[in-house]
């Protein structure tokens, strides 16, 4: 039987890597990417009519997407601001390295893998039921990019997938909005 300290370590995962001068730049670049994603989703949400004979503005399918895009954009802007401030204050500590080495340290391979998984998700939207493809995305990302054993990563991924299913059901029942 595990004691509580070992159990806590398993649930929390590994400690984050120590802060380096490049960490702030990575935060800024990651936030910039997410900000661009949020802008794209906000533009797409604004293209959905907010009032038709089937719904009024507060039940429009575009309102939820717009709110989520704004939240993602606001959080990304906050992280980006913190990242650029930190990078500007510590840029003199950065030792020169090659771009390739910097990208490897940053985890560019994982980044491209996650982008590929999300692109597959986008392609499958509309072809596969929304909840099936969303649960698949959560389970894939939750288990593929976590350190440690597969089974230790599966439990929180299943919980997150269950939350998505429950929220989608609640949105459909409370607001009458059927997610794509």
N, C-alpha and C. Protein backbone atom coordinates (compact mmCIF):
# COMPACT_ATOMS: atom_id res chain seq x y z
N UNK A 1 0.83 -1.17 0.00
CA UNK A 1 0.00 0.00 0.00
C UNK A 1 0.88 1.25 0.00
N UNK A 2 0.49 2.27 -0.77
CA UNK A 2 1.28 3.51 -0.87
C UNK A 2 0.91 4.46 0.26
N UNK A 3 1.90 5.17 0.75
CA UNK A 3 1.56 6.19 1.73
C UNK A 3 1.08 7.44 1.00
N UNK A 4 0.58 8.41 1.74
CA UNK A 4 -0.04 9.58 1.11
C UNK A 4 0.95 10.41 0.30
N UNK A 5 2.21 10.45 0.72
CA UNK A 5 3.20 11.24 -0.04
C UNK A 5 3.44 10.64 -1.42
N UNK A 6 3.52 9.29 -1.48
CA UNK A 6 3.71 8.65 -2.78
C UNK A 6 2.47 8.81 -3.64
N UNK A 7 1.30 8.68 -3.04
CA UNK A 7 0.05 8.83 -3.79
C UNK A 7 -0.09 10.24 -4.33
N UNK A 8 0.25 11.23 -3.50
CA UNK A 8 0.18 12.63 -3.93
C UNK A 8 1.12 12.86 -5.10
N UNK A 9 2.33 12.28 -5.04
CA UNK A 9 3.30 12.44 -6.13
C UNK A 9 2.75 11.86 -7.43
N UNK A 10 2.09 10.70 -7.36
CA UNK A 10 1.53 10.09 -8.57
C UNK A 10 0.43 10.95 -9.17
N UNK A 11 -0.40 11.54 -8.34
CA UNK A 11 -1.52 12.33 -8.84
C UNK A 11 -1.06 13.65 -9.41
N UNK A 12 -0.05 14.25 -8.85
CA UNK A 12 0.41 15.55 -9.31
C UNK A 12 1.35 15.47 -10.50
N UNK A 13 1.94 14.33 -10.74
CA UNK A 13 2.90 14.22 -11.83
C UNK A 13 4.25 14.78 -11.40
N UNK A 14 5.11 14.96 -12.36
CA UNK A 14 6.44 15.46 -12.05
C UNK A 14 6.40 16.97 -11.83
N UNK A 15 7.38 17.43 -11.09
CA UNK A 15 7.50 18.87 -10.86
C UNK A 15 7.82 19.55 -12.18
N UNK A 16 7.38 20.81 -12.35
CA UNK A 16 7.70 21.52 -13.59
C UNK A 16 9.21 21.73 -13.69
N UNK A 17 9.70 21.87 -14.92
CA UNK A 17 11.13 22.09 -15.08
C UNK A 17 11.53 23.42 -14.45
N UNK A 18 12.80 23.54 -14.05
CA UNK A 18 13.23 24.81 -13.46
C UNK A 18 13.13 25.94 -14.48
N UNK A 19 12.88 27.12 -13.96
CA UNK A 19 12.72 28.27 -14.85
C UNK A 19 14.06 28.62 -15.48
N UNK A 20 14.00 28.85 -16.78
CA UNK A 20 15.18 29.27 -17.52
C UNK A 20 14.87 30.61 -18.18
N UNK A 21 15.88 31.32 -18.63
CA UNK A 21 15.60 32.59 -19.31
C UNK A 21 14.72 32.41 -20.55
N UNK A 22 14.82 31.23 -21.22
CA UNK A 22 14.00 31.01 -22.40
C UNK A 22 12.55 30.68 -22.06
N UNK A 23 12.25 30.33 -20.81
CA UNK A 23 10.89 29.94 -20.43
C UNK A 23 9.91 31.08 -20.70
N UNK A 24 10.31 32.30 -20.43
CA UNK A 24 9.42 33.44 -20.65
C UNK A 24 9.13 33.63 -22.15
N UNK A 25 10.14 33.42 -22.98
CA UNK A 25 9.93 33.54 -24.41
C UNK A 25 8.99 32.43 -24.90
N UNK A 26 9.16 31.22 -24.37
CA UNK A 26 8.25 30.12 -24.73
C UNK A 26 6.83 30.44 -24.30
N UNK A 27 6.66 31.01 -23.11
CA UNK A 27 5.32 31.42 -22.67
C UNK A 27 4.71 32.43 -23.64
N UNK A 28 5.52 33.40 -24.05
CA UNK A 28 5.02 34.41 -24.97
C UNK A 28 4.63 33.81 -26.31
N UNK A 29 5.49 32.96 -26.87
CA UNK A 29 5.20 32.37 -28.18
C UNK A 29 3.99 31.43 -28.12
N UNK A 30 3.89 30.65 -27.06
CA UNK A 30 2.72 29.78 -26.89
C UNK A 30 1.45 30.60 -26.75
N UNK A 31 1.52 31.68 -25.98
CA UNK A 31 0.35 32.55 -25.80
C UNK A 31 -0.02 33.23 -27.11
N UNK A 32 0.97 33.60 -27.90
CA UNK A 32 0.70 34.22 -29.20
C UNK A 32 -0.03 33.24 -30.12
N UNK A 33 0.40 32.00 -30.12
CA UNK A 33 -0.29 30.98 -30.92
C UNK A 33 -1.74 30.81 -30.45
N UNK A 34 -1.96 30.72 -29.15
CA UNK A 34 -3.32 30.57 -28.64
C UNK A 34 -4.16 31.82 -28.90
N UNK A 35 -3.53 32.97 -28.89
CA UNK A 35 -4.26 34.20 -29.21
C UNK A 35 -4.73 34.17 -30.67
N UNK A 36 -3.88 33.70 -31.56
CA UNK A 36 -4.28 33.57 -32.97
C UNK A 36 -5.42 32.57 -33.12
N UNK A 37 -5.37 31.47 -32.39
CA UNK A 37 -6.45 30.49 -32.42
C UNK A 37 -7.74 31.11 -31.93
N UNK A 38 -7.67 31.88 -30.85
CA UNK A 38 -8.88 32.50 -30.30
C UNK A 38 -9.47 33.52 -31.27
N UNK A 39 -8.62 34.25 -31.97
CA UNK A 39 -9.12 35.21 -32.96
C UNK A 39 -9.83 34.46 -34.10
N UNK A 40 -9.23 33.36 -34.56
CA UNK A 40 -9.86 32.58 -35.63
C UNK A 40 -11.21 32.04 -35.19
N UNK A 41 -11.30 31.54 -33.96
CA UNK A 41 -12.57 31.01 -33.46
C UNK A 41 -13.58 32.13 -33.25
N UNK A 42 -13.14 33.29 -32.82
CA UNK A 42 -14.06 34.42 -32.64
C UNK A 42 -14.63 34.86 -33.99
N UNK A 43 -13.79 34.91 -35.01
CA UNK A 43 -14.26 35.27 -36.35
C UNK A 43 -15.28 34.26 -36.84
N UNK A 44 -14.98 32.98 -36.65
CA UNK A 44 -15.92 31.93 -37.07
C UNK A 44 -17.22 32.02 -36.29
N UNK A 45 -17.14 32.32 -34.99
CA UNK A 45 -18.35 32.43 -34.17
C UNK A 45 -19.20 33.62 -34.60
N UNK A 46 -18.56 34.69 -35.00
CA UNK A 46 -19.30 35.87 -35.43
C UNK A 46 -19.98 35.67 -36.79
N UNK A 47 -19.56 34.67 -37.53
CA UNK A 47 -20.19 34.38 -38.81
C UNK A 47 -21.48 33.58 -38.65
N UNK A 48 -21.70 33.01 -37.47
CA UNK A 48 -22.95 32.31 -37.19
C UNK A 48 -23.99 33.36 -36.84
N UNK A 49 -25.16 33.34 -37.47
CA UNK A 49 -26.17 34.36 -37.13
C UNK A 49 -26.59 34.22 -35.67
N UNK A 50 -26.74 35.37 -35.00
CA UNK A 50 -27.10 35.35 -33.60
C UNK A 50 -28.61 35.37 -33.37
N UNK A 51 -29.36 35.58 -34.42
CA UNK A 51 -30.81 35.57 -34.26
C UNK A 51 -31.45 35.09 -35.57
N UNK A 52 -32.23 34.04 -35.46
CA UNK A 52 -32.98 33.52 -36.60
C UNK A 52 -34.36 33.14 -36.10
N UNK A 53 -35.16 32.55 -36.96
CA UNK A 53 -36.49 32.11 -36.53
C UNK A 53 -36.39 30.93 -35.57
N UNK A 54 -35.23 30.25 -35.54
CA UNK A 54 -35.05 29.10 -34.64
C UNK A 54 -34.52 29.47 -33.26
N UNK A 55 -33.81 30.57 -33.15
CA UNK A 55 -33.24 30.94 -31.85
C UNK A 55 -33.08 32.45 -31.76
N UNK A 56 -32.96 32.92 -30.52
CA UNK A 56 -32.66 34.32 -30.25
C UNK A 56 -31.19 34.40 -29.86
N UNK A 57 -30.67 35.59 -29.67
CA UNK A 57 -29.24 35.78 -29.51
C UNK A 57 -28.65 34.97 -28.36
N UNK A 58 -29.34 34.83 -27.25
CA UNK A 58 -28.76 34.14 -26.10
C UNK A 58 -28.82 32.61 -26.22
N UNK A 59 -29.50 32.09 -27.22
CA UNK A 59 -29.48 30.65 -27.47
C UNK A 59 -28.73 30.32 -28.75
N UNK A 60 -28.13 31.30 -29.36
CA UNK A 60 -27.40 31.07 -30.61
C UNK A 60 -26.20 30.15 -30.36
N UNK A 61 -25.95 29.20 -31.26
CA UNK A 61 -24.77 28.35 -31.12
C UNK A 61 -23.47 29.13 -31.18
N UNK A 62 -23.49 30.29 -31.80
CA UNK A 62 -22.28 31.09 -31.90
C UNK A 62 -21.90 31.81 -30.62
N UNK A 63 -22.85 32.00 -29.72
CA UNK A 63 -22.55 32.76 -28.49
C UNK A 63 -21.59 32.00 -27.59
N UNK A 64 -21.78 30.69 -27.47
CA UNK A 64 -20.89 29.89 -26.63
C UNK A 64 -19.48 29.89 -27.21
N UNK A 65 -19.37 29.67 -28.50
CA UNK A 65 -18.05 29.68 -29.15
C UNK A 65 -17.38 31.04 -29.01
N UNK A 66 -18.16 32.11 -29.13
CA UNK A 66 -17.59 33.45 -28.99
C UNK A 66 -17.10 33.70 -27.56
N UNK A 67 -17.89 33.30 -26.59
CA UNK A 67 -17.49 33.47 -25.19
C UNK A 67 -16.21 32.69 -24.91
N UNK A 68 -16.13 31.45 -25.39
CA UNK A 68 -14.94 30.64 -25.16
C UNK A 68 -13.73 31.24 -25.88
N UNK A 69 -13.93 31.78 -27.08
CA UNK A 69 -12.83 32.41 -27.81
C UNK A 69 -12.34 33.65 -27.07
N UNK A 70 -13.26 34.43 -26.54
CA UNK A 70 -12.87 35.62 -25.78
C UNK A 70 -12.11 35.23 -24.51
N UNK A 71 -12.59 34.20 -23.81
CA UNK A 71 -11.89 33.73 -22.60
C UNK A 71 -10.48 33.23 -22.93
N UNK A 72 -10.37 32.44 -24.01
CA UNK A 72 -9.06 31.96 -24.42
C UNK A 72 -8.15 33.12 -24.81
N UNK A 73 -8.70 34.09 -25.53
CA UNK A 73 -7.92 35.25 -25.93
C UNK A 73 -7.45 36.08 -24.74
N UNK A 74 -8.33 36.27 -23.76
CA UNK A 74 -7.96 37.05 -22.57
C UNK A 74 -6.87 36.33 -21.77
N UNK A 75 -7.03 35.04 -21.58
CA UNK A 75 -6.01 34.28 -20.84
C UNK A 75 -4.69 34.27 -21.60
N UNK A 76 -4.76 34.10 -22.91
CA UNK A 76 -3.55 34.10 -23.74
C UNK A 76 -2.85 35.45 -23.68
N UNK A 77 -3.63 36.53 -23.72
CA UNK A 77 -3.03 37.86 -23.65
C UNK A 77 -2.34 38.07 -22.30
N UNK A 78 -2.95 37.59 -21.23
CA UNK A 78 -2.34 37.73 -19.90
C UNK A 78 -1.04 36.95 -19.80
N UNK A 79 -1.04 35.71 -20.29
CA UNK A 79 0.18 34.90 -20.26
C UNK A 79 1.23 35.50 -21.19
N UNK A 80 0.81 35.98 -22.36
CA UNK A 80 1.75 36.60 -23.29
C UNK A 80 2.38 37.85 -22.72
N UNK A 81 1.58 38.67 -22.04
CA UNK A 81 2.11 39.88 -21.42
C UNK A 81 3.14 39.54 -20.34
N UNK A 82 2.79 38.54 -19.50
CA UNK A 82 3.72 38.12 -18.46
C UNK A 82 5.00 37.55 -19.09
N UNK A 83 4.84 36.78 -20.16
CA UNK A 83 6.00 36.18 -20.82
C UNK A 83 6.92 37.20 -21.44
N UNK A 84 6.35 38.18 -22.14
CA UNK A 84 7.20 39.18 -22.79
C UNK A 84 7.89 40.07 -21.76
N UNK A 85 7.19 40.39 -20.66
CA UNK A 85 7.82 41.17 -19.59
C UNK A 85 8.98 40.40 -18.97
N UNK A 86 8.77 39.11 -18.70
CA UNK A 86 9.84 38.29 -18.12
C UNK A 86 11.01 38.13 -19.07
N UNK A 87 10.70 37.93 -20.35
CA UNK A 87 11.77 37.75 -21.33
C UNK A 87 12.58 39.03 -21.48
N UNK A 88 11.90 40.18 -21.53
CA UNK A 88 12.63 41.44 -21.67
C UNK A 88 13.53 41.70 -20.47
N UNK A 89 13.09 41.29 -19.29
CA UNK A 89 13.91 41.54 -18.10
C UNK A 89 15.07 40.55 -17.98
N UNK A 90 14.98 39.39 -18.63
CA UNK A 90 16.04 38.38 -18.48
C UNK A 90 16.71 38.02 -19.79
N UNK A 91 16.50 38.77 -20.84
CA UNK A 91 17.06 38.38 -22.14
C UNK A 91 18.58 38.41 -22.16
N UNK A 92 19.21 39.19 -21.30
CA UNK A 92 20.67 39.23 -21.28
C UNK A 92 21.27 37.96 -20.69
N UNK A 93 20.46 37.15 -19.98
CA UNK A 93 20.95 35.90 -19.39
C UNK A 93 20.93 34.74 -20.37
N UNK A 94 20.31 34.91 -21.52
CA UNK A 94 20.15 33.83 -22.49
C UNK A 94 21.48 33.56 -23.18
N UNK A 95 21.92 32.30 -23.12
CA UNK A 95 23.14 31.94 -23.82
C UNK A 95 22.79 31.61 -25.27
N UNK A 96 23.63 32.02 -26.20
CA UNK A 96 23.30 31.76 -27.61
C UNK A 96 23.32 30.26 -27.90
N UNK A 97 22.26 29.79 -28.54
CA UNK A 97 22.16 28.40 -28.98
C UNK A 97 21.60 28.40 -30.39
N UNK A 98 21.73 27.26 -31.03
CA UNK A 98 21.18 27.17 -32.38
C UNK A 98 19.65 27.07 -32.29
N UNK A 99 18.99 27.45 -33.38
CA UNK A 99 17.52 27.38 -33.42
C UNK A 99 17.06 25.94 -33.22
N UNK A 100 17.77 25.01 -33.86
CA UNK A 100 17.38 23.61 -33.75
C UNK A 100 17.44 23.12 -32.30
N UNK A 101 18.50 23.45 -31.61
CA UNK A 101 18.63 23.05 -30.21
C UNK A 101 17.56 23.72 -29.35
N UNK A 102 17.26 24.97 -29.62
CA UNK A 102 16.22 25.68 -28.87
C UNK A 102 14.86 25.03 -29.09
N UNK A 103 14.56 24.67 -30.34
CA UNK A 103 13.28 24.03 -30.64
C UNK A 103 13.19 22.66 -29.98
N UNK A 104 14.28 21.91 -29.95
CA UNK A 104 14.26 20.61 -29.30
C UNK A 104 14.03 20.77 -27.80
N UNK A 105 14.70 21.73 -27.18
CA UNK A 105 14.50 21.97 -25.75
C UNK A 105 13.08 22.43 -25.46
N UNK A 106 12.52 23.17 -26.37
CA UNK A 106 11.16 23.68 -26.18
C UNK A 106 10.14 22.57 -26.30
N UNK A 107 10.46 21.50 -27.01
CA UNK A 107 9.52 20.43 -27.22
C UNK A 107 8.73 20.61 -28.50
N UNK A 108 9.41 21.05 -29.54
CA UNK A 108 8.73 21.32 -30.80
C UNK A 108 8.10 20.07 -31.39
N UNK A 109 8.70 18.90 -31.17
CA UNK A 109 8.11 17.66 -31.66
C UNK A 109 6.74 17.41 -31.04
N UNK A 110 6.63 17.61 -29.73
CA UNK A 110 5.33 17.46 -29.06
C UNK A 110 4.34 18.50 -29.56
N UNK A 111 4.83 19.70 -29.81
CA UNK A 111 3.96 20.75 -30.32
C UNK A 111 3.37 20.36 -31.67
N UNK A 112 4.23 19.90 -32.59
CA UNK A 112 3.74 19.51 -33.91
C UNK A 112 2.80 18.30 -33.81
N UNK A 113 3.09 17.38 -32.90
CA UNK A 113 2.20 16.23 -32.71
C UNK A 113 0.84 16.68 -32.23
N UNK A 114 0.81 17.62 -31.30
CA UNK A 114 -0.48 18.11 -30.80
C UNK A 114 -1.24 18.89 -31.87
N UNK A 115 -0.52 19.66 -32.68
CA UNK A 115 -1.17 20.37 -33.79
C UNK A 115 -1.78 19.36 -34.77
N UNK A 116 -1.05 18.28 -35.06
CA UNK A 116 -1.56 17.25 -35.98
C UNK A 116 -2.81 16.59 -35.40
N UNK A 117 -2.81 16.31 -34.11
CA UNK A 117 -3.98 15.69 -33.47
C UNK A 117 -5.18 16.63 -33.54
N UNK A 118 -4.96 17.90 -33.30
CA UNK A 118 -6.06 18.87 -33.34
C UNK A 118 -6.56 19.04 -34.78
N UNK A 119 -5.67 19.01 -35.75
CA UNK A 119 -6.11 19.09 -37.15
C UNK A 119 -6.97 17.87 -37.54
N UNK A 120 -6.59 16.70 -37.06
CA UNK A 120 -7.41 15.50 -37.30
C UNK A 120 -8.78 15.69 -36.66
N UNK A 121 -8.81 16.26 -35.46
CA UNK A 121 -10.07 16.55 -34.78
C UNK A 121 -10.95 17.47 -35.62
N UNK A 122 -10.35 18.53 -36.16
CA UNK A 122 -11.10 19.49 -36.96
C UNK A 122 -11.64 18.83 -38.22
N UNK A 123 -10.83 17.99 -38.85
CA UNK A 123 -11.27 17.30 -40.06
C UNK A 123 -12.44 16.35 -39.74
N UNK A 124 -12.39 15.70 -38.58
CA UNK A 124 -13.43 14.74 -38.21
C UNK A 124 -14.73 15.40 -37.76
N UNK A 125 -14.66 16.67 -37.34
CA UNK A 125 -15.88 17.36 -36.93
C UNK A 125 -16.86 17.40 -38.09
N UNK A 126 -18.07 17.01 -37.83
CA UNK A 126 -19.09 16.97 -38.86
C UNK A 126 -19.20 15.62 -39.54
N UNK A 127 -18.11 14.85 -39.53
CA UNK A 127 -18.12 13.51 -40.11
C UNK A 127 -18.38 12.45 -39.05
N UNK A 128 -17.94 12.73 -37.84
CA UNK A 128 -18.11 11.85 -36.69
C UNK A 128 -18.89 12.65 -35.66
N UNK A 129 -19.78 12.02 -34.90
CA UNK A 129 -20.54 12.78 -33.89
C UNK A 129 -19.61 13.59 -32.97
N UNK A 130 -20.06 14.81 -32.65
CA UNK A 130 -19.26 15.76 -31.90
C UNK A 130 -18.73 15.17 -30.59
N UNK A 131 -19.59 14.54 -29.81
CA UNK A 131 -19.14 14.02 -28.52
C UNK A 131 -18.12 12.90 -28.69
N UNK A 132 -18.29 12.07 -29.68
CA UNK A 132 -17.34 10.97 -29.90
C UNK A 132 -15.96 11.53 -30.24
N UNK A 133 -15.90 12.46 -31.17
CA UNK A 133 -14.62 13.01 -31.58
C UNK A 133 -14.00 13.87 -30.47
N UNK A 134 -14.83 14.57 -29.68
CA UNK A 134 -14.30 15.39 -28.59
C UNK A 134 -13.75 14.52 -27.47
N UNK A 135 -14.46 13.47 -27.13
CA UNK A 135 -13.96 12.55 -26.10
C UNK A 135 -12.67 11.89 -26.60
N UNK A 136 -12.63 11.53 -27.87
CA UNK A 136 -11.41 10.96 -28.44
C UNK A 136 -10.23 11.92 -28.36
N UNK A 137 -10.49 13.20 -28.63
CA UNK A 137 -9.43 14.21 -28.55
C UNK A 137 -8.91 14.33 -27.11
N UNK A 138 -9.82 14.41 -26.17
CA UNK A 138 -9.41 14.55 -24.76
C UNK A 138 -8.61 13.34 -24.31
N UNK A 139 -9.08 12.16 -24.64
CA UNK A 139 -8.37 10.94 -24.23
C UNK A 139 -7.00 10.85 -24.91
N UNK A 140 -6.93 11.24 -26.18
CA UNK A 140 -5.65 11.18 -26.89
C UNK A 140 -4.65 12.17 -26.31
N UNK A 141 -5.07 13.43 -26.19
CA UNK A 141 -4.14 14.44 -25.65
C UNK A 141 -3.79 14.17 -24.20
N UNK A 142 -4.78 13.73 -23.42
CA UNK A 142 -4.56 13.49 -22.00
C UNK A 142 -3.63 12.34 -21.71
N UNK A 143 -3.60 11.35 -22.59
CA UNK A 143 -2.73 10.20 -22.34
C UNK A 143 -1.42 10.28 -23.11
N UNK A 144 -1.41 10.92 -24.25
CA UNK A 144 -0.20 10.96 -25.07
C UNK A 144 0.86 11.91 -24.52
N UNK A 145 0.46 12.98 -23.87
CA UNK A 145 1.42 14.01 -23.47
C UNK A 145 1.61 14.10 -21.96
N UNK A 146 1.38 13.04 -21.26
CA UNK A 146 1.59 13.04 -19.82
C UNK A 146 2.75 12.12 -19.50
N UNK A 147 3.58 12.55 -18.58
CA UNK A 147 4.70 11.72 -18.15
C UNK A 147 4.17 10.58 -17.30
N UNK A 148 4.88 9.49 -17.28
CA UNK A 148 4.49 8.37 -16.43
C UNK A 148 3.74 7.30 -17.20
N UNK A 149 3.12 6.43 -16.42
CA UNK A 149 2.43 5.29 -17.00
C UNK A 149 1.13 5.69 -17.67
N UNK A 150 0.75 4.91 -18.69
CA UNK A 150 -0.49 5.16 -19.43
C UNK A 150 -1.70 5.11 -18.52
N UNK A 151 -1.76 4.12 -17.66
CA UNK A 151 -2.94 3.94 -16.81
C UNK A 151 -3.10 5.08 -15.81
N UNK A 152 -1.98 5.68 -15.39
CA UNK A 152 -2.05 6.82 -14.47
C UNK A 152 -2.60 8.06 -15.18
N UNK A 153 -2.39 8.15 -16.48
CA UNK A 153 -2.89 9.29 -17.25
C UNK A 153 -4.32 9.07 -17.71
N UNK A 154 -4.74 7.82 -17.79
CA UNK A 154 -6.07 7.52 -18.31
C UNK A 154 -7.18 8.01 -17.38
N UNK A 155 -7.00 7.88 -16.08
CA UNK A 155 -8.05 8.26 -15.13
C UNK A 155 -8.41 9.74 -15.22
N UNK A 156 -7.46 10.67 -15.15
CA UNK A 156 -7.85 12.08 -15.28
C UNK A 156 -8.40 12.41 -16.67
N UNK A 157 -7.93 11.70 -17.69
CA UNK A 157 -8.46 11.93 -19.03
C UNK A 157 -9.91 11.48 -19.12
N UNK A 158 -10.23 10.36 -18.49
CA UNK A 158 -11.61 9.89 -18.47
C UNK A 158 -12.51 10.86 -17.71
N UNK A 159 -12.00 11.40 -16.61
CA UNK A 159 -12.78 12.39 -15.85
C UNK A 159 -13.04 13.62 -16.71
N UNK A 160 -12.03 14.10 -17.42
CA UNK A 160 -12.20 15.27 -18.28
C UNK A 160 -13.19 14.97 -19.40
N UNK A 161 -13.12 13.79 -19.99
CA UNK A 161 -14.06 13.41 -21.04
C UNK A 161 -15.48 13.34 -20.49
N UNK A 162 -15.64 12.83 -19.30
CA UNK A 162 -16.96 12.76 -18.67
C UNK A 162 -17.51 14.16 -18.42
N UNK A 163 -16.66 15.08 -18.01
CA UNK A 163 -17.09 16.46 -17.79
C UNK A 163 -17.59 17.07 -19.10
N UNK A 164 -16.90 16.82 -20.21
CA UNK A 164 -17.33 17.34 -21.50
C UNK A 164 -18.69 16.78 -21.88
N UNK A 165 -18.89 15.49 -21.68
CA UNK A 165 -20.18 14.87 -22.01
C UNK A 165 -21.29 15.46 -21.15
N UNK A 166 -21.04 15.61 -19.85
CA UNK A 166 -22.05 16.17 -18.96
C UNK A 166 -22.36 17.61 -19.33
N UNK A 167 -21.34 18.41 -19.61
CA UNK A 167 -21.57 19.81 -20.00
C UNK A 167 -22.33 19.91 -21.31
N UNK A 168 -21.99 19.08 -22.28
CA UNK A 168 -22.71 19.10 -23.56
C UNK A 168 -24.17 18.73 -23.35
N UNK A 169 -24.42 17.75 -22.50
CA UNK A 169 -25.79 17.34 -22.21
C UNK A 169 -26.54 18.48 -21.51
N UNK A 170 -25.89 19.13 -20.54
CA UNK A 170 -26.52 20.23 -19.82
C UNK A 170 -26.81 21.41 -20.75
N UNK A 171 -25.88 21.72 -21.63
CA UNK A 171 -26.09 22.83 -22.57
C UNK A 171 -27.28 22.52 -23.48
N UNK A 172 -27.39 21.27 -23.90
CA UNK A 172 -28.52 20.89 -24.75
C UNK A 172 -29.83 20.97 -23.99
N UNK A 173 -29.86 20.50 -22.74
CA UNK A 173 -31.11 20.48 -21.98
C UNK A 173 -31.50 21.87 -21.47
N UNK A 174 -30.53 22.64 -20.98
CA UNK A 174 -30.84 23.94 -20.38
C UNK A 174 -31.08 25.01 -21.44
N UNK A 175 -30.17 25.10 -22.43
CA UNK A 175 -30.25 26.16 -23.41
C UNK A 175 -30.87 25.71 -24.75
N UNK A 176 -31.03 24.43 -24.92
CA UNK A 176 -31.56 23.93 -26.17
C UNK A 176 -30.60 24.03 -27.32
N UNK A 177 -29.31 24.12 -27.01
CA UNK A 177 -28.28 24.26 -28.04
C UNK A 177 -27.64 22.89 -28.27
N UNK A 178 -27.71 22.43 -29.48
CA UNK A 178 -27.08 21.17 -29.85
C UNK A 178 -25.70 21.50 -30.37
N UNK A 179 -24.67 21.01 -29.68
CA UNK A 179 -23.32 21.27 -30.14
C UNK A 179 -23.07 20.50 -31.43
N UNK A 180 -22.16 21.02 -32.26
CA UNK A 180 -21.99 20.46 -33.62
C UNK A 180 -21.78 18.99 -33.67
